[in-house]
């Protein structure tokens, strides 16, 4: 996996874990699954939480923005509850079939 993607996952997981007790983990999907750098592609991530509300959504974006600025990357983040995620059928199918899940500590079982 690219070093920047690994760092993004580590930083997002740490920040979400610290700020949100209901953070369940995240999925990496899209172009960066091949482990290569892609200058013109966003790092696509689904973040899962037990609950979703306006306050949480507004708190997530400054975290994402700081990481984007610090690492000079572009992140396309989809914050969802598990139910909302399953209801977004097209995205759900793509992510479940091809994505990599990282637990709240930013660790995956896939090597």
PDB file of N, CA and C in Angstrom:
ATOM      1  N   UNK A   1       0.836  -1.176   0.000  1.00  0.00           N
ATOM      2  CA  UNK A   1       0.000   0.000   0.000  1.00  0.00           C
ATOM      3  C   UNK A   1       0.881   1.240   0.000  1.00  0.00           C
ATOM      4  N   UNK A   2       0.412   2.279  -0.664  1.00  0.00           N
ATOM      5  CA  UNK A   2       1.178   3.511  -0.717  1.00  0.00           C
ATOM      6  C   UNK A   2       1.338   4.093   0.691  1.00  0.00           C
ATOM      7  N   UNK A   3       2.464   4.739   0.924  1.00  0.00           N
ATOM      8  CA  UNK A   3       2.760   5.315   2.227  1.00  0.00           C
ATOM      9  C   UNK A   3       1.740   6.368   2.615  1.00  0.00           C
ATOM     10  N   UNK A   4       1.331   7.205   1.650  1.00  0.00           N
ATOM     11  CA  UNK A   4       0.358   8.253   1.957  1.00  0.00           C
ATOM     12  C   UNK A   4      -0.991   7.660   2.347  1.00  0.00           C
ATOM     13  N   UNK A   5      -1.424   6.628   1.656  1.00  0.00           N
ATOM     14  CA  UNK A   5      -2.710   6.002   1.979  1.00  0.00           C
ATOM     15  C   UNK A   5      -2.638   5.399   3.377  1.00  0.00           C
ATOM     16  N   UNK A   6      -1.545   4.732   3.680  1.00  0.00           N
ATOM     17  CA  UNK A   6      -1.372   4.156   5.014  1.00  0.00           C
ATOM     18  C   UNK A   6      -1.446   5.251   6.079  1.00  0.00           C
ATOM     19  N   UNK A   7      -0.809   6.366   5.833  1.00  0.00           N
ATOM     20  CA  UNK A   7      -0.816   7.487   6.780  1.00  0.00           C
ATOM     21  C   UNK A   7      -2.218   8.078   6.911  1.00  0.00           C
ATOM     22  N   UNK A   8      -2.941   8.216   5.805  1.00  0.00           N
ATOM     23  CA  UNK A   8      -4.319   8.719   5.847  1.00  0.00           C
ATOM     24  C   UNK A   8      -5.179   7.815   6.725  1.00  0.00           C
ATOM     25  N   UNK A   9      -5.095   6.525   6.518  1.00  0.00           N
ATOM     26  CA  UNK A   9      -5.883   5.573   7.297  1.00  0.00           C
ATOM     27  C   UNK A   9      -5.534   5.663   8.777  1.00  0.00           C
ATOM     28  N   UNK A  10      -4.250   5.727   9.071  1.00  0.00           N
ATOM     29  CA  UNK A  10      -3.789   5.828  10.461  1.00  0.00           C
ATOM     30  C   UNK A  10      -4.306   7.106  11.125  1.00  0.00           C
ATOM     31  N   UNK A  11      -4.182   8.232  10.433  1.00  0.00           N
ATOM     32  CA  UNK A  11      -4.600   9.512  11.010  1.00  0.00           C
ATOM     33  C   UNK A  11      -6.112   9.622  11.146  1.00  0.00           C
ATOM     34  N   UNK A  12      -6.851   9.190  10.127  1.00  0.00           N
ATOM     35  CA  UNK A  12      -8.317   9.209  10.220  1.00  0.00           C
ATOM     36  C   UNK A  12      -8.800   8.328  11.362  1.00  0.00           C
ATOM     37  N   UNK A  13      -8.267   7.125  11.436  1.00  0.00           N
ATOM     38  CA  UNK A  13      -8.688   6.194  12.485  1.00  0.00           C
ATOM     39  C   UNK A  13      -8.401   6.759  13.871  1.00  0.00           C
ATOM     40  N   UNK A  14      -7.233   7.321  14.067  1.00  0.00           N
ATOM     41  CA  UNK A  14      -6.877   7.884  15.374  1.00  0.00           C
ATOM     42  C   UNK A  14      -7.788   9.055  15.736  1.00  0.00           C
ATOM     43  N   UNK A  15      -8.032   9.948  14.781  1.00  0.00           N
ATOM     44  CA  UNK A  15      -8.871  11.120  15.046  1.00  0.00           C
ATOM     45  C   UNK A  15     -10.326  10.723  15.303  1.00  0.00           C
ATOM     46  N   UNK A  16     -10.863   9.827  14.491  1.00  0.00           N
ATOM     47  CA  UNK A  16     -12.249   9.397  14.677  1.00  0.00           C
ATOM     48  C   UNK A  16     -12.408   8.620  15.977  1.00  0.00           C
ATOM     49  N   UNK A  17     -11.450   7.784  16.312  1.00  0.00           N
ATOM     50  CA  UNK A  17     -11.505   7.003  17.546  1.00  0.00           C
ATOM     51  C   UNK A  17     -11.480   7.928  18.762  1.00  0.00           C
ATOM     52  N   UNK A  18     -10.680   8.973  18.685  1.00  0.00           N
ATOM     53  CA  UNK A  18     -10.562   9.925  19.794  1.00  0.00           C
ATOM     54  C   UNK A  18     -11.828  10.765  19.958  1.00  0.00           C
ATOM     55  N   UNK A  19     -12.430  11.159  18.845  1.00  0.00           N
ATOM     56  CA  UNK A  19     -13.558  12.089  18.898  1.00  0.00           C
ATOM     57  C   UNK A  19     -14.921  11.405  18.985  1.00  0.00           C
ATOM     58  N   UNK A  20     -15.041  10.192  18.444  1.00  0.00           N
ATOM     59  CA  UNK A  20     -16.344   9.529  18.354  1.00  0.00           C
ATOM     60  C   UNK A  20     -16.288   8.126  18.960  1.00  0.00           C
ATOM     61  N   UNK A  21     -17.017   7.931  20.042  1.00  0.00           N
ATOM     62  CA  UNK A  21     -17.059   6.620  20.695  1.00  0.00           C
ATOM     63  C   UNK A  21     -17.683   5.544  19.827  1.00  0.00           C
ATOM     64  N   UNK A  22     -18.483   5.955  18.860  1.00  0.00           N
ATOM     65  CA  UNK A  22     -19.212   4.978  18.033  1.00  0.00           C
ATOM     66  C   UNK A  22     -18.535   4.698  16.689  1.00  0.00           C
ATOM     67  N   UNK A  23     -17.285   5.095  16.542  1.00  0.00           N
ATOM     68  CA  UNK A  23     -16.549   4.838  15.299  1.00  0.00           C
ATOM     69  C   UNK A  23     -16.258   3.342  15.190  1.00  0.00           C
ATOM     70  N   UNK A  24     -16.626   2.733  14.048  1.00  0.00           N
ATOM     71  CA  UNK A  24     -16.519   1.283  13.854  1.00  0.00           C
ATOM     72  C   UNK A  24     -15.383   0.856  12.930  1.00  0.00           C
ATOM     73  N   UNK A  25     -14.827   1.782  12.177  1.00  0.00           N
ATOM     74  CA  UNK A  25     -13.764   1.442  11.248  1.00  0.00           C
ATOM     75  C   UNK A  25     -14.027   2.047   9.887  1.00  0.00           C
ATOM     76  N   UNK A  26     -13.176   1.705   8.926  1.00  0.00           N
ATOM     77  CA  UNK A  26     -13.347   2.277   7.595  1.00  0.00           C
ATOM     78  C   UNK A  26     -12.957   1.277   6.522  1.00  0.00           C
ATOM     79  N   UNK A  27     -13.452   1.553   5.340  1.00  0.00           N
ATOM     80  CA  UNK A  27     -13.126   0.772   4.150  1.00  0.00           C
ATOM     81  C   UNK A  27     -12.360   1.657   3.180  1.00  0.00           C
ATOM     82  N   UNK A  28     -11.281   1.147   2.640  1.00  0.00           N
ATOM     83  CA  UNK A  28     -10.588   1.764   1.517  1.00  0.00           C
ATOM     84  C   UNK A  28     -11.105   1.084   0.260  1.00  0.00           C
ATOM     85  N   UNK A  29     -11.444   1.866  -0.743  1.00  0.00           N
ATOM     86  CA  UNK A  29     -11.869   1.306  -2.018  1.00  0.00           C
ATOM     87  C   UNK A  29     -11.401   2.211  -3.138  1.00  0.00           C
ATOM     88  N   UNK A  30     -11.592   1.775  -4.365  1.00  0.00           N
ATOM     89  CA  UNK A  30     -11.237   2.603  -5.512  1.00  0.00           C
ATOM     90  C   UNK A  30      -9.821   2.373  -6.009  1.00  0.00           C
ATOM     91  N   UNK A  31      -9.300   3.378  -6.688  1.00  0.00           N
ATOM     92  CA  UNK A  31      -8.021   3.266  -7.409  1.00  0.00           C
ATOM     93  C   UNK A  31      -6.847   2.886  -6.514  1.00  0.00           C
ATOM     94  N   UNK A  32      -6.844   3.325  -5.265  1.00  0.00           N
ATOM     95  CA  UNK A  32      -5.685   3.100  -4.400  1.00  0.00           C
ATOM     96  C   UNK A  32      -5.565   1.673  -3.869  1.00  0.00           C
ATOM     97  N   UNK A  33      -6.511   0.825  -4.198  1.00  0.00           N
ATOM     98  CA  UNK A  33      -6.423  -0.573  -3.775  1.00  0.00           C
ATOM     99  C   UNK A  33      -5.226  -1.294  -4.384  1.00  0.00           C
ATOM    100  N   UNK A  34      -4.719  -0.778  -5.498  1.00  0.00           N
ATOM    101  CA  UNK A  34      -3.591  -1.457  -6.155  1.00  0.00           C
ATOM    102  C   UNK A  34      -2.248  -1.155  -5.483  1.00  0.00           C
ATOM    103  N   UNK A  35      -2.267  -0.305  -4.443  1.00  0.00           N
ATOM    104  CA  UNK A  35      -1.041  -0.019  -3.710  1.00  0.00           C
ATOM    105  C   UNK A  35      -0.145   1.020  -4.342  1.00  0.00           C
ATOM    106  N   UNK A  36      -0.555   1.592  -5.459  1.00  0.00           N
ATOM    107  CA  UNK A  36       0.250   2.582  -6.176  1.00  0.00           C
ATOM    108  C   UNK A  36      -0.219   4.002  -5.862  1.00  0.00           C
ATOM    109  N   UNK A  37       0.635   4.969  -6.130  1.00  0.00           N
ATOM    110  CA  UNK A  37       0.270   6.381  -6.033  1.00  0.00           C
ATOM    111  C   UNK A  37      -0.528   6.762  -7.278  1.00  0.00           C
ATOM    112  N   UNK A  38      -1.555   7.558  -7.100  1.00  0.00           N
ATOM    113  CA  UNK A  38      -2.383   8.035  -8.210  1.00  0.00           C
ATOM    114  C   UNK A  38      -2.582   9.540  -8.025  1.00  0.00           C
ATOM    115  N   UNK A  39      -1.790  10.332  -8.713  1.00  0.00           N
ATOM    116  CA  UNK A  39      -1.811  11.778  -8.517  1.00  0.00           C
ATOM    117  C   UNK A  39      -3.165  12.414  -8.782  1.00  0.00           C
ATOM    118  N   UNK A  40      -3.907  11.911  -9.753  1.00  0.00           N
ATOM    119  CA  UNK A  40      -5.166  12.538 -10.137  1.00  0.00           C
ATOM    120  C   UNK A  40      -6.400  11.852  -9.564  1.00  0.00           C
ATOM    121  N   UNK A  41      -6.214  10.992  -8.573  1.00  0.00           N
ATOM    122  CA  UNK A  41      -7.331  10.246  -7.986  1.00  0.00           C
ATOM    123  C   UNK A  41      -7.476  10.594  -6.507  1.00  0.00           C
ATOM    124  N   UNK A  42      -8.727  10.626  -6.030  1.00  0.00           N
ATOM    125  CA  UNK A  42      -8.989  10.789  -4.608  1.00  0.00           C
ATOM    126  C   UNK A  42      -8.771   9.457  -3.896  1.00  0.00           C
ATOM    127  N   UNK A  43      -8.425   9.527  -2.640  1.00  0.00           N
ATOM    128  CA  UNK A  43      -8.388   8.338  -1.795  1.00  0.00           C
ATOM    129  C   UNK A  43      -9.822   8.143  -1.308  1.00  0.00           C
ATOM    130  N   UNK A  44     -10.446   7.066  -1.743  1.00  0.00           N
ATOM    131  CA  UNK A  44     -11.862   6.841  -1.454  1.00  0.00           C
ATOM    132  C   UNK A  44     -12.025   5.962  -0.217  1.00  0.00           C
ATOM    133  N   UNK A  45     -12.818   6.488   0.744  1.00  0.00           N
ATOM    134  CA  UNK A  45     -12.965   5.833   2.037  1.00  0.00           C
ATOM    135  C   UNK A  45     -14.413   5.928   2.509  1.00  0.00           C
ATOM    136  N   UNK A  46     -14.929   4.822   3.045  1.00  0.00           N
ATOM    137  CA  UNK A  46     -16.195   4.799   3.767  1.00  0.00           C
ATOM    138  C   UNK A  46     -15.852   4.673   5.243  1.00  0.00           C
ATOM    139  N   UNK A  47     -16.370   5.578   6.075  1.00  0.00           N
ATOM    140  CA  UNK A  47     -16.185   5.512   7.524  1.00  0.00           C
ATOM    141  C   UNK A  47     -17.518   5.126   8.157  1.00  0.00           C
ATOM    142  N   UNK A  48     -17.484   4.156   9.064  1.00  0.00           N
ATOM    143  CA  UNK A  48     -18.703   3.648   9.680  1.00  0.00           C
ATOM    144  C   UNK A  48     -18.822   4.077  11.140  1.00  0.00           C
ATOM    145  N   UNK A  49     -20.039   4.493  11.492  1.00  0.00           N
ATOM    146  CA  UNK A  49     -20.377   4.930  12.843  1.00  0.00           C
ATOM    147  C   UNK A  49     -21.705   4.291  13.245  1.00  0.00           C
ATOM    148  N   UNK A  50     -21.955   4.200  14.544  1.00  0.00           N
ATOM    149  CA  UNK A  50     -23.248   3.690  15.006  1.00  0.00           C
ATOM    150  C   UNK A  50     -24.373   4.676  14.737  1.00  0.00           C
ATOM    151  N   UNK A  51     -24.078   5.962  14.861  1.00  0.00           N
ATOM    152  CA  UNK A  51     -25.099   6.997  14.671  1.00  0.00           C
ATOM    153  C   UNK A  51     -24.539   8.081  13.764  1.00  0.00           C
ATOM    154  N   UNK A  52     -25.445   8.784  13.117  1.00  0.00           N
ATOM    155  CA  UNK A  52     -25.053   9.856  12.201  1.00  0.00           C
ATOM    156  C   UNK A  52     -25.984  11.040  12.442  1.00  0.00           C
ATOM    157  N   UNK A  53     -25.414  12.210  12.614  1.00  0.00           N
ATOM    158  CA  UNK A  53     -26.220  13.409  12.775  1.00  0.00           C
ATOM    159  C   UNK A  53     -25.446  14.606  12.225  1.00  0.00           C
ATOM    160  N   UNK A  54     -26.115  15.744  12.204  1.00  0.00           N
ATOM    161  CA  UNK A  54     -25.520  16.950  11.620  1.00  0.00           C
ATOM    162  C   UNK A  54     -24.251  17.372  12.369  1.00  0.00           C
ATOM    163  N   UNK A  55     -24.273  17.262  13.687  1.00  0.00           N
ATOM    164  CA  UNK A  55     -23.113  17.657  14.490  1.00  0.00           C
ATOM    165  C   UNK A  55     -21.890  16.791  14.156  1.00  0.00           C
ATOM    166  N   UNK A  56     -22.117  15.505  14.028  1.00  0.00           N
ATOM    167  CA  UNK A  56     -21.005  14.606  13.695  1.00  0.00           C
ATOM    168  C   UNK A  56     -20.482  14.917  12.294  1.00  0.00           C
ATOM    169  N   UNK A  57     -21.392  15.070  11.351  1.00  0.00           N
ATOM    170  CA  UNK A  57     -20.964  15.383   9.985  1.00  0.00           C
ATOM    171  C   UNK A  57     -20.139  16.659   9.939  1.00  0.00           C
ATOM    172  N   UNK A  58     -20.551  17.683  10.672  1.00  0.00           N
ATOM    173  CA  UNK A  58     -19.793  18.943  10.641  1.00  0.00           C
ATOM    174  C   UNK A  58     -18.451  18.805  11.360  1.00  0.00           C
ATOM    175  N   UNK A  59     -18.327  17.875  12.299  1.00  0.00           N
ATOM    176  CA  UNK A  59     -17.055  17.652  12.986  1.00  0.00           C
ATOM    177  C   UNK A  59     -16.066  16.817  12.192  1.00  0.00           C
ATOM    178  N   UNK A  60     -16.583  16.010  11.281  1.00  0.00           N
ATOM    179  CA  UNK A  60     -15.728  15.133  10.479  1.00  0.00           C
ATOM    180  C   UNK A  60     -14.904  15.925   9.464  1.00  0.00           C
ATOM    181  N   UNK A  61     -15.519  16.904   8.824  1.00  0.00           N
ATOM    182  CA  UNK A  61     -14.858  17.581   7.694  1.00  0.00           C
ATOM    183  C   UNK A  61     -13.603  18.362   8.061  1.00  0.00           C
ATOM    184  N   UNK A  62     -13.535  19.022   9.232  1.00  0.00           N
ATOM    185  CA  UNK A  62     -12.252  19.654   9.588  1.00  0.00           C
ATOM    186  C   UNK A  62     -11.119  18.634   9.770  1.00  0.00           C
ATOM    187  N   UNK A  63     -11.449  17.440  10.274  1.00  0.00           N
ATOM    188  CA  UNK A  63     -10.445  16.385  10.424  1.00  0.00           C
ATOM    189  C   UNK A  63      -9.922  15.984   9.051  1.00  0.00           C
ATOM    190  N   UNK A  64     -10.838  15.731   8.131  1.00  0.00           N
ATOM    191  CA  UNK A  64     -10.463  15.331   6.772  1.00  0.00           C
ATOM    192  C   UNK A  64      -9.650  16.438   6.107  1.00  0.00           C
ATOM    193  N   UNK A  65     -10.104  17.671   6.235  1.00  0.00           N
ATOM    194  CA  UNK A  65      -9.403  18.803   5.615  1.00  0.00           C
ATOM    195  C   UNK A  65      -7.981  18.977   6.118  1.00  0.00           C
ATOM    196  N   UNK A  66      -7.780  18.802   7.422  1.00  0.00           N
ATOM    197  CA  UNK A  66      -6.428  18.933   7.979  1.00  0.00           C
ATOM    198  C   UNK A  66      -5.508  17.840   7.428  1.00  0.00           C
ATOM    199  N   UNK A  67      -6.014  16.621   7.360  1.00  0.00           N
ATOM    200  CA  UNK A  67      -5.200  15.518   6.832  1.00  0.00           C
ATOM    201  C   UNK A  67      -4.879  15.760   5.356  1.00  0.00           C
ATOM    202  N   UNK A  68      -5.871  16.219   4.598  1.00  0.00           N
ATOM    203  CA  UNK A  68      -5.626  16.521   3.177  1.00  0.00           C
ATOM    204  C   UNK A  68      -4.533  17.572   3.023  1.00  0.00           C
ATOM    205  N   UNK A  69      -4.606  18.614   3.840  1.00  0.00           N
ATOM    206  CA  UNK A  69      -3.617  19.690   3.770  1.00  0.00           C
ATOM    207  C   UNK A  69      -2.239  19.211   4.220  1.00  0.00           C
ATOM    208  N   UNK A  70      -2.190  18.532   5.345  1.00  0.00           N
ATOM    209  CA  UNK A  70      -0.906  18.084   5.889  1.00  0.00           C
ATOM    210  C   UNK A  70      -0.190  17.092   4.968  1.00  0.00           C
ATOM    211  N   UNK A  71      -0.961  16.181   4.349  1.00  0.00           N
ATOM    212  CA  UNK A  71      -0.352  15.134   3.525  1.00  0.00           C
ATOM    213  C   UNK A  71      -0.401  15.429   2.025  1.00  0.00           C
ATOM    214  N   UNK A  72      -1.020  16.543   1.660  1.00  0.00           N
ATOM    215  CA  UNK A  72      -1.175  16.935   0.252  1.00  0.00           C
ATOM    216  C   UNK A  72      -1.829  15.817  -0.557  1.00  0.00           C
ATOM    217  N   UNK A  73      -3.005  15.387  -0.075  1.00  0.00           N
ATOM    218  CA  UNK A  73      -3.802  14.360  -0.736  1.00  0.00           C
ATOM    219  C   UNK A  73      -5.240  14.863  -0.848  1.00  0.00           C
ATOM    220  N   UNK A  74      -6.023  14.156  -1.621  1.00  0.00           N
ATOM    221  CA  UNK A  74      -7.451  14.443  -1.735  1.00  0.00           C
ATOM    222  C   UNK A  74      -8.211  13.201  -1.272  1.00  0.00           C
ATOM    223  N   UNK A  75      -9.074  13.397  -0.274  1.00  0.00           N
ATOM    224  CA  UNK A  75      -9.823  12.289   0.319  1.00  0.00           C
ATOM    225  C   UNK A  75     -11.296  12.452  -0.030  1.00  0.00           C
ATOM    226  N   UNK A  76     -11.884  11.385  -0.536  1.00  0.00           N
ATOM    227  CA  UNK A  76     -13.317  11.341  -0.805  1.00  0.00           C
ATOM    228  C   UNK A  76     -13.918  10.430   0.260  1.00  0.00           C
ATOM    229  N   UNK A  77     -14.453  11.041   1.335  1.00  0.00           N
ATOM    230  CA  UNK A  77     -14.935  10.290   2.493  1.00  0.00           C
ATOM    231  C   UNK A  77     -16.454  10.193   2.481  1.00  0.00           C
ATOM    232  N   UNK A  78     -16.947   8.996   2.753  1.00  0.00           N
ATOM    233  CA  UNK A  78     -18.381   8.737   2.864  1.00  0.00           C
ATOM    234  C   UNK A  78     -18.671   8.284   4.293  1.00  0.00           C
ATOM    235  N   UNK A  79     -19.159   9.183   5.161  1.00  0.00           N
ATOM    236  CA  UNK A  79     -19.502   8.758   6.522  1.00  0.00           C
ATOM    237  C   UNK A  79     -20.915   8.155   6.543  1.00  0.00           C
ATOM    238  N   UNK A  80     -21.041   6.972   7.113  1.00  0.00           N
ATOM    239  CA  UNK A  80     -22.306   6.245   7.133  1.00  0.00           C
ATOM    240  C   UNK A  80     -22.504   5.521   8.457  1.00  0.00           C
ATOM    241  N   UNK A  81     -23.774   5.239   8.767  1.00  0.00           N
ATOM    242  CA  UNK A  81     -24.070   4.172   9.718  1.00  0.00           C
ATOM    243  C   UNK A  81     -24.075   2.896   8.889  1.00  0.00           C
ATOM    244  N   UNK A  82     -24.026   1.742   9.537  1.00  0.00           N
ATOM    245  CA  UNK A  82     -24.051   0.496   8.773  1.00  0.00           C
ATOM    246  C   UNK A  82     -25.341   0.363   7.969  1.00  0.00           C
ATOM    247  N   UNK A  83     -26.452   0.785   8.546  1.00  0.00           N
ATOM    248  CA  UNK A  83     -27.734   0.709   7.840  1.00  0.00           C
ATOM    249  C   UNK A  83     -27.751   1.614   6.612  1.00  0.00           C
ATOM    250  N   UNK A  84     -27.290   2.857   6.768  1.00  0.00           N
ATOM    251  CA  UNK A  84     -27.229   3.780   5.623  1.00  0.00           C
ATOM    252  C   UNK A  84     -26.320   3.222   4.532  1.00  0.00           C
ATOM    253  N   UNK A  85     -25.202   2.662   4.948  1.00  0.00           N
ATOM    254  CA  UNK A  85     -24.241   2.100   4.000  1.00  0.00           C
ATOM    255  C   UNK A  85     -24.889   0.968   3.203  1.00  0.00           C
ATOM    256  N   UNK A  86     -25.561   0.060   3.878  1.00  0.00           N
ATOM    257  CA  UNK A  86     -26.222  -1.057   3.188  1.00  0.00           C
ATOM    258  C   UNK A  86     -27.315  -0.576   2.250  1.00  0.00           C
ATOM    259  N   UNK A  87     -27.953   0.541   2.577  1.00  0.00           N
ATOM    260  CA  UNK A  87     -29.017   1.085   1.730  1.00  0.00           C
ATOM    261  C   UNK A  87     -28.495   1.776   0.478  1.00  0.00           C
ATOM    262  N   UNK A  88     -27.218   2.154   0.458  1.00  0.00           N
ATOM    263  CA  UNK A  88     -26.598   2.728  -0.737  1.00  0.00           C
ATOM    264  C   UNK A  88     -26.051   1.551  -1.552  1.00  0.00           C
ATOM    265  N   UNK A  89     -26.958   0.828  -2.179  1.00  0.00           N
ATOM    266  CA  UNK A  89     -26.695  -0.485  -2.773  1.00  0.00           C
ATOM    267  C   UNK A  89     -25.481  -0.507  -3.715  1.00  0.00           C
ATOM    268  N   UNK A  90     -25.399   0.438  -4.644  1.00  0.00           N
ATOM    269  CA  UNK A  90     -24.292   0.428  -5.608  1.00  0.00           C
ATOM    270  C   UNK A  90     -22.935   0.587  -4.922  1.00  0.00           C
ATOM    271  N   UNK A  91     -22.845   1.571  -4.041  1.00  0.00           N
ATOM    272  CA  UNK A  91     -21.591   1.794  -3.323  1.00  0.00           C
ATOM    273  C   UNK A  91     -21.295   0.603  -2.410  1.00  0.00           C
ATOM    274  N   UNK A  92     -22.290   0.131  -1.694  1.00  0.00           N
ATOM    275  CA  UNK A  92     -22.111  -0.990  -0.782  1.00  0.00           C
ATOM    276  C   UNK A  92     -21.546  -2.216  -1.512  1.00  0.00           C
ATOM    277  N   UNK A  93     -22.169  -2.557  -2.630  1.00  0.00           N
ATOM    278  CA  UNK A  93     -21.708  -3.727  -3.383  1.00  0.00           C
ATOM    279  C   UNK A  93     -20.249  -3.571  -3.832  1.00  0.00           C
ATOM    280  N   UNK A  94     -19.898  -2.391  -4.339  1.00  0.00           N
ATOM    281  CA  UNK A  94     -18.520  -2.152  -4.788  1.00  0.00           C
ATOM    282  C   UNK A  94     -17.535  -2.281  -3.627  1.00  0.00           C
ATOM    283  N   UNK A  95     -17.854  -1.635  -2.520  1.00  0.00           N
ATOM    284  CA  UNK A  95     -16.936  -1.606  -1.384  1.00  0.00           C
ATOM    285  C   UNK A  95     -16.805  -2.980  -0.732  1.00  0.00           C
ATOM    286  N   UNK A  96     -17.912  -3.664  -0.539  1.00  0.00           N
ATOM    287  CA  UNK A  96     -17.867  -4.981   0.100  1.00  0.00           C
ATOM    288  C   UNK A  96     -17.136  -5.991  -0.780  1.00  0.00           C
ATOM    289  N   UNK A  97     -17.333  -5.916  -2.080  1.00  0.00           N
ATOM    290  CA  UNK A  97     -16.703  -6.872  -2.987  1.00  0.00           C
ATOM    291  C   UNK A  97     -15.229  -6.591  -3.245  1.00  0.00           C
ATOM    292  N   UNK A  98     -14.817  -5.326  -3.209  1.00  0.00           N
ATOM    293  CA  UNK A  98     -13.454  -4.982  -3.604  1.00  0.00           C
ATOM    294  C   UNK A  98     -12.646  -4.262  -2.537  1.00  0.00           C
ATOM    295  N   UNK A  99     -13.313  -3.654  -1.553  1.00  0.00           N
ATOM    296  CA  UNK A  99     -12.623  -2.822  -0.577  1.00  0.00           C
ATOM    297  C   UNK A  99     -11.896  -3.600   0.500  1.00  0.00           C
ATOM    298  N   UNK A 100     -11.119  -2.868   1.282  1.00  0.00           N
ATOM    299  CA  UNK A 100     -10.376  -3.419   2.409  1.00  0.00           C
ATOM    300  C   UNK A 100     -10.889  -2.739   3.672  1.00  0.00           C
ATOM    301  N   UNK A 101     -11.281  -3.546   4.674  1.00  0.00           N
ATOM    302  CA  UNK A 101     -11.781  -3.000   5.940  1.00  0.00           C
ATOM    303  C   UNK A 101     -10.634  -2.832   6.932  1.00  0.00           C
ATOM    304  N   UNK A 102     -10.643  -1.690   7.621  1.00  0.00           N
ATOM    305  CA  UNK A 102      -9.685  -1.397   8.685  1.00  0.00           C
ATOM    306  C   UNK A 102     -10.473  -1.165   9.964  1.00  0.00           C
ATOM    307  N   UNK A 103     -10.108  -1.848  11.043  1.00  0.00           N
ATOM    308  CA  UNK A 103     -10.809  -1.694  12.309  1.00  0.00           C
ATOM    309  C   UNK A 103     -10.530  -0.304  12.892  1.00  0.00           C
ATOM    310  N   UNK A 104     -11.133   0.051  14.032  1.00  0.00           N
ATOM    311  CA  UNK A 104     -10.925   1.395  14.586  1.00  0.00           C
ATOM    312  C   UNK A 104      -9.472   1.749  14.886  1.00  0.00           C
ATOM    313  N   UNK A 105      -8.624   0.751  15.003  1.00  0.00           N
ATOM    314  CA  UNK A 105      -7.197   1.017  15.221  1.00  0.00           C
ATOM    315  C   UNK A 105      -6.441   1.219  13.913  1.00  0.00           C
ATOM    316  N   UNK A 106      -7.144   1.083  12.781  1.00  0.00           N
ATOM    317  CA  UNK A 106      -6.503   1.249  11.471  1.00  0.00           C
ATOM    318  C   UNK A 106      -5.779   0.004  11.009  1.00  0.00           C
ATOM    319  N   UNK A 107      -6.183  -1.154  11.544  1.00  0.00           N
ATOM    320  CA  UNK A 107      -5.532  -2.424  11.201  1.00  0.00           C
ATOM    321  C   UNK A 107      -6.476  -3.278  10.380  1.00  0.00           C
ATOM    322  N   UNK A 108      -5.944  -3.943   9.361  1.00  0.00           N
ATOM    323  CA  UNK A 108      -6.722  -4.855   8.540  1.00  0.00           C
ATOM    324  C   UNK A 108      -6.163  -6.263   8.698  1.00  0.00           C
ATOM    325  N   UNK A 109      -7.002  -7.243   8.427  1.00  0.00           N
ATOM    326  CA  UNK A 109      -6.532  -8.630   8.439  1.00  0.00           C
ATOM    327  C   UNK A 109      -5.919  -9.014   7.101  1.00  0.00           C
ATOM    328  N   UNK A 110      -6.254  -8.248   6.061  1.00  0.00           N
ATOM    329  CA  UNK A 110      -5.747  -8.531   4.715  1.00  0.00           C
ATOM    330  C   UNK A 110      -4.305  -8.085   4.598  1.00  0.00           C
ATOM    331  N   UNK A 111      -3.456  -8.949   4.183  1.00  0.00           N
ATOM    332  CA  UNK A 111      -2.025  -8.610   4.064  1.00  0.00           C
ATOM    333  C   UNK A 111      -1.590  -8.646   2.627  1.00  0.00           C
TER     334      UNK A 111
END
